[in-house]
Amino acid sequence: QVQVVEYGGGSVQAGGSLRLSCTASASGFTFKPVVMGWFRQVPGKEREAVAGTDLRYGTTIYADSVKGRFGLSQDNAKSTTYLQMTYLKPEDTATYYCAVSDVDGGLFLPTTYKHWGQGTQVTVSS
């Protein structure tokens, strides 16, 4: 079974920063993800892609709404990926989900990802 865990949510004022982390691990077998994505969701709205990366090539894409403010990085030694969020806005308030897959696919397509974390809440106040 693959477990995906996010850390780092919280409350911050507009203009502030937060860093989310995501770790994927497996029990009893070796799991090697090839794609990883961050999504966010507000109650009553569809899940929205924020950023996605192909871990094999290091290519990363960002949603227009976060481009220039959010950045993805990896610590391969810790098998952890980080979403650094800066210049946060109230409209960034959402539950943020990390998702991974060992099969290639569209980085912004939720259906690409086999394994999802439980979500972490980010609240940005004005």
N, C-alpha and C. Protein backbone atom coordinates (compact mmCIF):
# COMPACT_ATOMS: atom_id res chain seq x y z
N GLN A 1 0.85 -1.18 0.00
CA GLN A 1 0.00 0.00 0.00
C GLN A 1 0.90 1.24 0.00
N VAL A 2 0.52 2.21 -0.82
CA VAL A 2 1.27 3.45 -0.91
C VAL A 2 0.61 4.49 -0.02
N GLN A 3 1.42 5.14 0.76
CA GLN A 3 0.91 6.19 1.65
C GLN A 3 1.51 7.52 1.22
N VAL A 4 0.64 8.51 1.08
CA VAL A 4 1.06 9.86 0.73
C VAL A 4 0.66 10.78 1.88
N VAL A 5 1.62 11.54 2.37
CA VAL A 5 1.35 12.40 3.52
C VAL A 5 1.83 13.81 3.21
N GLU A 6 0.97 14.77 3.48
CA GLU A 6 1.34 16.17 3.34
C GLU A 6 1.53 16.78 4.73
N TYR A 7 2.43 17.75 4.79
CA TYR A 7 2.66 18.50 6.02
C TYR A 7 2.76 19.98 5.67
N GLY A 8 2.53 20.82 6.66
CA GLY A 8 2.90 22.22 6.51
C GLY A 8 1.79 23.20 6.31
N GLY A 9 0.55 22.77 6.30
CA GLY A 9 -0.53 23.72 6.17
C GLY A 9 -0.63 24.61 7.40
N GLY A 10 -1.45 25.63 7.29
CA GLY A 10 -1.64 26.53 8.42
C GLY A 10 -2.33 27.80 8.00
N SER A 11 -2.29 28.77 8.89
CA SER A 11 -2.91 30.07 8.63
C SER A 11 -1.84 31.13 8.52
N VAL A 12 -2.03 32.02 7.57
CA VAL A 12 -1.04 33.08 7.34
C VAL A 12 -1.78 34.30 6.81
N GLN A 13 -1.19 35.46 7.00
CA GLN A 13 -1.78 36.67 6.45
C GLN A 13 -1.37 36.83 5.00
N ALA A 14 -2.18 37.56 4.27
CA ALA A 14 -1.89 37.82 2.87
C ALA A 14 -0.48 38.41 2.73
N GLY A 15 0.22 37.91 1.73
CA GLY A 15 1.60 38.34 1.52
C GLY A 15 2.62 37.44 2.18
N GLY A 16 2.14 36.55 3.03
CA GLY A 16 3.04 35.65 3.74
C GLY A 16 3.40 34.42 2.93
N SER A 17 4.11 33.51 3.57
CA SER A 17 4.62 32.31 2.91
C SER A 17 4.33 31.07 3.74
N LEU A 18 4.22 29.96 3.07
CA LEU A 18 4.11 28.65 3.71
C LEU A 18 4.84 27.65 2.82
N ARG A 19 5.33 26.60 3.43
CA ARG A 19 5.93 25.51 2.67
C ARG A 19 5.22 24.22 3.01
N LEU A 20 4.68 23.58 2.00
CA LEU A 20 4.07 22.28 2.16
C LEU A 20 5.06 21.21 1.74
N SER A 21 5.00 20.08 2.40
CA SER A 21 5.85 18.96 2.02
C SER A 21 4.99 17.73 1.75
N CYS A 22 5.52 16.86 0.93
CA CYS A 22 4.80 15.66 0.54
C CYS A 22 5.78 14.50 0.50
N THR A 23 5.42 13.44 1.19
CA THR A 23 6.25 12.23 1.20
C THR A 23 5.40 11.04 0.80
N ALA A 24 5.93 10.24 -0.13
CA ALA A 24 5.24 9.02 -0.55
C ALA A 24 6.08 7.81 -0.14
N SER A 25 5.44 6.85 0.47
CA SER A 25 6.15 5.65 0.90
C SER A 25 5.26 4.44 0.67
N ALA A 26 5.90 3.27 0.64
CA ALA A 26 5.16 2.04 0.39
C ALA A 26 5.53 0.99 1.42
N SER A 27 4.58 0.14 1.71
CA SER A 27 4.80 -0.95 2.65
C SER A 27 4.98 -2.26 1.88
N GLY A 28 6.15 -2.87 2.08
CA GLY A 28 6.35 -4.20 1.52
C GLY A 28 6.84 -4.25 0.10
N PHE A 29 6.98 -3.09 -0.55
CA PHE A 29 7.50 -3.10 -1.91
C PHE A 29 8.11 -1.73 -2.18
N THR A 30 8.85 -1.66 -3.25
CA THR A 30 9.49 -0.40 -3.62
C THR A 30 8.56 0.37 -4.54
N PHE A 31 8.25 1.58 -4.12
CA PHE A 31 7.41 2.44 -4.93
C PHE A 31 8.24 3.59 -5.44
N LYS A 32 8.27 3.73 -6.74
CA LYS A 32 9.05 4.80 -7.35
C LYS A 32 8.11 5.66 -8.19
N PRO A 33 7.67 6.79 -7.65
CA PRO A 33 6.77 7.65 -8.42
C PRO A 33 7.50 8.30 -9.58
N VAL A 34 6.79 8.53 -10.66
CA VAL A 34 7.37 9.23 -11.80
C VAL A 34 6.74 10.61 -12.00
N VAL A 35 5.53 10.79 -11.48
CA VAL A 35 4.88 12.09 -11.56
C VAL A 35 4.30 12.44 -10.19
N MET A 36 4.29 13.71 -9.90
CA MET A 36 3.76 14.19 -8.63
C MET A 36 3.05 15.51 -8.87
N GLY A 37 1.91 15.67 -8.25
CA GLY A 37 1.14 16.89 -8.45
C GLY A 37 0.60 17.44 -7.14
N TRP A 38 0.38 18.72 -7.14
CA TRP A 38 -0.31 19.39 -6.05
C TRP A 38 -1.62 19.95 -6.59
N PHE A 39 -2.67 19.70 -5.86
CA PHE A 39 -3.98 20.19 -6.21
C PHE A 39 -4.56 20.91 -5.00
N ARG A 40 -5.58 21.71 -5.23
CA ARG A 40 -6.27 22.34 -4.10
C ARG A 40 -7.77 22.35 -4.38
N GLN A 41 -8.51 22.41 -3.30
CA GLN A 41 -9.95 22.37 -3.44
C GLN A 41 -10.61 23.19 -2.36
N VAL A 42 -11.61 23.93 -2.79
CA VAL A 42 -12.45 24.72 -1.90
C VAL A 42 -13.81 24.05 -1.88
N PRO A 43 -14.46 23.98 -0.75
CA PRO A 43 -15.78 23.34 -0.70
C PRO A 43 -16.73 23.90 -1.74
N GLY A 44 -17.36 22.99 -2.47
CA GLY A 44 -18.31 23.39 -3.49
C GLY A 44 -17.70 23.63 -4.85
N LYS A 45 -16.38 23.53 -4.94
CA LYS A 45 -15.70 23.73 -6.22
C LYS A 45 -14.92 22.50 -6.60
N GLU A 46 -14.58 22.41 -7.88
CA GLU A 46 -13.78 21.28 -8.37
C GLU A 46 -12.34 21.41 -7.89
N ARG A 47 -11.71 20.25 -7.82
CA ARG A 47 -10.30 20.23 -7.46
C ARG A 47 -9.50 20.90 -8.58
N GLU A 48 -8.59 21.77 -8.18
CA GLU A 48 -7.82 22.58 -9.13
C GLU A 48 -6.35 22.19 -9.06
N ALA A 49 -5.74 22.00 -10.23
CA ALA A 49 -4.31 21.71 -10.27
C ALA A 49 -3.51 22.97 -9.95
N VAL A 50 -2.49 22.81 -9.14
CA VAL A 50 -1.63 23.93 -8.74
C VAL A 50 -0.26 23.79 -9.40
N ALA A 51 0.32 22.61 -9.29
CA ALA A 51 1.65 22.37 -9.86
C ALA A 51 1.83 20.88 -10.07
N GLY A 52 2.65 20.54 -11.03
CA GLY A 52 2.93 19.14 -11.29
C GLY A 52 4.34 18.98 -11.81
N THR A 53 4.95 17.86 -11.49
CA THR A 53 6.32 17.64 -11.92
C THR A 53 6.53 16.21 -12.39
N ASP A 54 7.34 16.09 -13.43
CA ASP A 54 7.79 14.77 -13.87
C ASP A 54 9.11 14.52 -13.16
N LEU A 55 9.11 13.59 -12.23
CA LEU A 55 10.26 13.37 -11.36
C LEU A 55 11.44 12.77 -12.11
N ARG A 56 11.19 12.21 -13.26
CA ARG A 56 12.29 11.62 -14.04
C ARG A 56 13.14 12.70 -14.70
N TYR A 57 12.49 13.74 -15.16
CA TYR A 57 13.20 14.76 -15.94
C TYR A 57 13.30 16.10 -15.24
N GLY A 58 12.59 16.23 -14.12
CA GLY A 58 12.64 17.49 -13.40
C GLY A 58 11.82 18.59 -14.02
N THR A 59 10.96 18.26 -14.95
CA THR A 59 10.12 19.28 -15.57
C THR A 59 8.92 19.56 -14.66
N THR A 60 8.60 20.82 -14.54
CA THR A 60 7.53 21.26 -13.65
C THR A 60 6.66 22.28 -14.35
N ILE A 61 5.38 22.18 -14.11
CA ILE A 61 4.45 23.18 -14.64
C ILE A 61 3.62 23.72 -13.48
N TYR A 62 3.16 24.96 -13.66
CA TYR A 62 2.38 25.64 -12.64
C TYR A 62 1.10 26.20 -13.24
N ALA A 63 0.07 26.25 -12.43
CA ALA A 63 -1.14 26.94 -12.85
C ALA A 63 -0.85 28.42 -12.98
N ASP A 64 -1.52 29.07 -13.91
CA ASP A 64 -1.30 30.51 -14.11
C ASP A 64 -1.54 31.29 -12.83
N SER A 65 -2.48 30.84 -12.02
CA SER A 65 -2.84 31.57 -10.81
C SER A 65 -1.74 31.59 -9.76
N VAL A 66 -0.77 30.68 -9.87
CA VAL A 66 0.30 30.62 -8.87
C VAL A 66 1.68 30.83 -9.47
N LYS A 67 1.75 30.94 -10.78
CA LYS A 67 3.05 31.07 -11.44
C LYS A 67 3.79 32.31 -10.92
N GLY A 68 5.04 32.13 -10.60
CA GLY A 68 5.84 33.22 -10.07
C GLY A 68 5.75 33.36 -8.55
N ARG A 69 4.79 32.69 -7.94
CA ARG A 69 4.63 32.77 -6.48
C ARG A 69 4.91 31.43 -5.80
N PHE A 70 4.60 30.33 -6.48
CA PHE A 70 4.81 28.99 -5.91
C PHE A 70 5.97 28.32 -6.62
N GLY A 71 6.68 27.48 -5.89
CA GLY A 71 7.78 26.74 -6.48
C GLY A 71 7.88 25.33 -5.90
N LEU A 72 8.20 24.38 -6.77
CA LEU A 72 8.38 22.99 -6.35
C LEU A 72 9.86 22.67 -6.25
N SER A 73 10.21 21.89 -5.24
CA SER A 73 11.58 21.39 -5.13
C SER A 73 11.53 19.99 -4.54
N GLN A 74 12.66 19.29 -4.68
CA GLN A 74 12.71 17.90 -4.20
C GLN A 74 13.92 17.68 -3.33
N ASP A 75 13.76 16.83 -2.36
CA ASP A 75 14.88 16.31 -1.57
C ASP A 75 14.86 14.80 -1.77
N ASN A 76 15.64 14.33 -2.74
CA ASN A 76 15.59 12.91 -3.08
C ASN A 76 16.04 12.03 -1.92
N ALA A 77 16.94 12.53 -1.11
CA ALA A 77 17.42 11.75 0.02
C ALA A 77 16.30 11.47 1.01
N LYS A 78 15.36 12.40 1.11
CA LYS A 78 14.24 12.23 2.03
C LYS A 78 12.98 11.78 1.31
N SER A 79 13.08 11.58 0.00
CA SER A 79 11.91 11.20 -0.80
C SER A 79 10.76 12.16 -0.54
N THR A 80 11.09 13.43 -0.49
CA THR A 80 10.10 14.46 -0.16
C THR A 80 10.11 15.55 -1.22
N THR A 81 8.93 16.02 -1.53
CA THR A 81 8.79 17.14 -2.43
C THR A 81 8.16 18.29 -1.68
N TYR A 82 8.62 19.50 -1.97
CA TYR A 82 8.16 20.68 -1.26
C TYR A 82 7.44 21.62 -2.22
N LEU A 83 6.38 22.22 -1.73
CA LEU A 83 5.69 23.29 -2.45
C LEU A 83 5.88 24.57 -1.65
N GLN A 84 6.76 25.42 -2.12
CA GLN A 84 7.00 26.69 -1.45
C GLN A 84 6.00 27.70 -1.98
N MET A 85 5.23 28.27 -1.08
CA MET A 85 4.18 29.21 -1.48
C MET A 85 4.53 30.58 -0.91
N THR A 86 4.66 31.56 -1.78
CA THR A 86 5.00 32.91 -1.34
C THR A 86 3.94 33.89 -1.85
N TYR A 87 3.96 35.09 -1.28
CA TYR A 87 3.00 36.14 -1.66
C TYR A 87 1.58 35.57 -1.70
N LEU A 88 1.24 34.88 -0.64
CA LEU A 88 -0.05 34.23 -0.59
C LEU A 88 -1.19 35.24 -0.59
N LYS A 89 -2.27 34.82 -1.22
CA LYS A 89 -3.47 35.65 -1.34
C LYS A 89 -4.65 34.94 -0.69
N PRO A 90 -5.66 35.69 -0.28
CA PRO A 90 -6.84 35.04 0.30
C PRO A 90 -7.44 33.98 -0.62
N GLU A 91 -7.35 34.19 -1.93
CA GLU A 91 -7.92 33.22 -2.86
C GLU A 91 -7.10 31.94 -2.95
N ASP A 92 -5.95 31.89 -2.29
CA ASP A 92 -5.19 30.64 -2.20
C ASP A 92 -5.72 29.74 -1.09
N THR A 93 -6.64 30.25 -0.30
CA THR A 93 -7.22 29.45 0.77
C THR A 93 -7.91 28.23 0.20
N ALA A 94 -7.51 27.06 0.69
CA ALA A 94 -8.05 25.80 0.18
C ALA A 94 -7.43 24.65 0.97
N THR A 95 -7.95 23.46 0.72
CA THR A 95 -7.27 22.25 1.17
C THR A 95 -6.35 21.81 0.04
N TYR A 96 -5.10 21.62 0.37
CA TYR A 96 -4.09 21.25 -0.62
C TYR A 96 -3.79 19.77 -0.53
N TYR A 97 -3.77 19.14 -1.70
CA TYR A 97 -3.54 17.70 -1.79
C TYR A 97 -2.31 17.42 -2.63
N CYS A 98 -1.54 16.47 -2.16
CA CYS A 98 -0.42 15.94 -2.93
C CYS A 98 -0.85 14.61 -3.53
N ALA A 99 -0.42 14.35 -4.75
CA ALA A 99 -0.78 13.10 -5.42
C ALA A 99 0.42 12.59 -6.20
N VAL A 100 0.57 11.29 -6.27
CA VAL A 100 1.70 10.69 -6.98
C VAL A 100 1.22 9.50 -7.80
N SER A 101 2.05 9.15 -8.78
CA SER A 101 1.77 7.95 -9.57
C SER A 101 3.07 7.40 -10.12
N ASP A 102 3.10 6.09 -10.30
CA ASP A 102 4.26 5.45 -10.94
C ASP A 102 4.00 5.22 -12.42
N VAL A 103 2.95 5.85 -12.91
CA VAL A 103 2.60 5.76 -14.33
C VAL A 103 2.50 7.17 -14.87
N ASP A 104 3.03 7.38 -16.05
CA ASP A 104 3.03 8.70 -16.68
C ASP A 104 1.62 9.16 -17.02
N GLY A 105 1.45 10.46 -17.14
CA GLY A 105 0.17 11.01 -17.55
C GLY A 105 0.20 12.52 -17.51
N GLY A 106 -0.91 13.15 -17.86
CA GLY A 106 -0.99 14.60 -17.81
C GLY A 106 -0.84 15.11 -16.39
N LEU A 107 0.09 16.03 -16.19
CA LEU A 107 0.42 16.44 -14.83
C LEU A 107 -0.73 17.17 -14.16
N PHE A 108 -1.61 17.80 -14.91
CA PHE A 108 -2.73 18.54 -14.33
C PHE A 108 -4.02 17.75 -14.33
N LEU A 109 -3.96 16.49 -14.70
CA LEU A 109 -5.17 15.66 -14.72
C LEU A 109 -5.26 14.85 -13.44
N PRO A 110 -6.29 15.04 -12.63
CA PRO A 110 -6.43 14.24 -11.41
C PRO A 110 -6.43 12.74 -11.68
N THR A 111 -6.92 12.34 -12.83
CA THR A 111 -6.99 10.91 -13.16
C THR A 111 -5.62 10.29 -13.39
N THR A 112 -4.59 11.13 -13.56
CA THR A 112 -3.24 10.60 -13.72
C THR A 112 -2.73 9.93 -12.45
N TYR A 113 -3.21 10.40 -11.33
CA TYR A 113 -2.62 10.05 -10.04
C TYR A 113 -3.37 8.92 -9.34
N LYS A 114 -2.59 7.92 -8.95
CA LYS A 114 -3.17 6.75 -8.29
C LYS A 114 -3.30 6.94 -6.78
N HIS A 115 -2.42 7.76 -6.23
CA HIS A 115 -2.33 7.83 -4.77
C HIS A 115 -2.39 9.28 -4.32
N TRP A 116 -3.24 9.53 -3.34
CA TRP A 116 -3.49 10.88 -2.86
C TRP A 116 -3.27 10.97 -1.36
N GLY A 117 -2.80 12.13 -0.92
CA GLY A 117 -2.71 12.39 0.50
C GLY A 117 -4.06 12.80 1.05
N GLN A 118 -4.07 13.01 2.34
CA GLN A 118 -5.32 13.32 3.04
C GLN A 118 -5.68 14.80 2.95
N GLY A 119 -4.74 15.61 2.52
CA GLY A 119 -4.98 17.04 2.39
C GLY A 119 -4.51 17.82 3.60
N THR A 120 -4.09 19.04 3.37
CA THR A 120 -3.69 19.93 4.45
C THR A 120 -4.30 21.31 4.17
N GLN A 121 -4.83 21.92 5.21
CA GLN A 121 -5.55 23.17 5.05
C GLN A 121 -4.60 24.36 5.04
N VAL A 122 -4.81 25.24 4.07
CA VAL A 122 -4.10 26.51 4.00
C VAL A 122 -5.15 27.61 4.05
N THR A 123 -4.98 28.51 4.99
CA THR A 123 -5.91 29.63 5.14
C THR A 123 -5.13 30.93 5.09
N VAL A 124 -5.52 31.80 4.17
CA VAL A 124 -4.85 33.09 4.02
C VAL A 124 -5.85 34.19 4.33
N SER A 125 -5.53 34.99 5.31
CA SER A 125 -6.44 36.06 5.72
C SER A 125 -5.98 37.39 5.14
N SER A 126 -6.94 38.24 4.88
CA SER A 126 -6.63 39.54 4.28
C SER A 126 -6.30 40.57 5.34
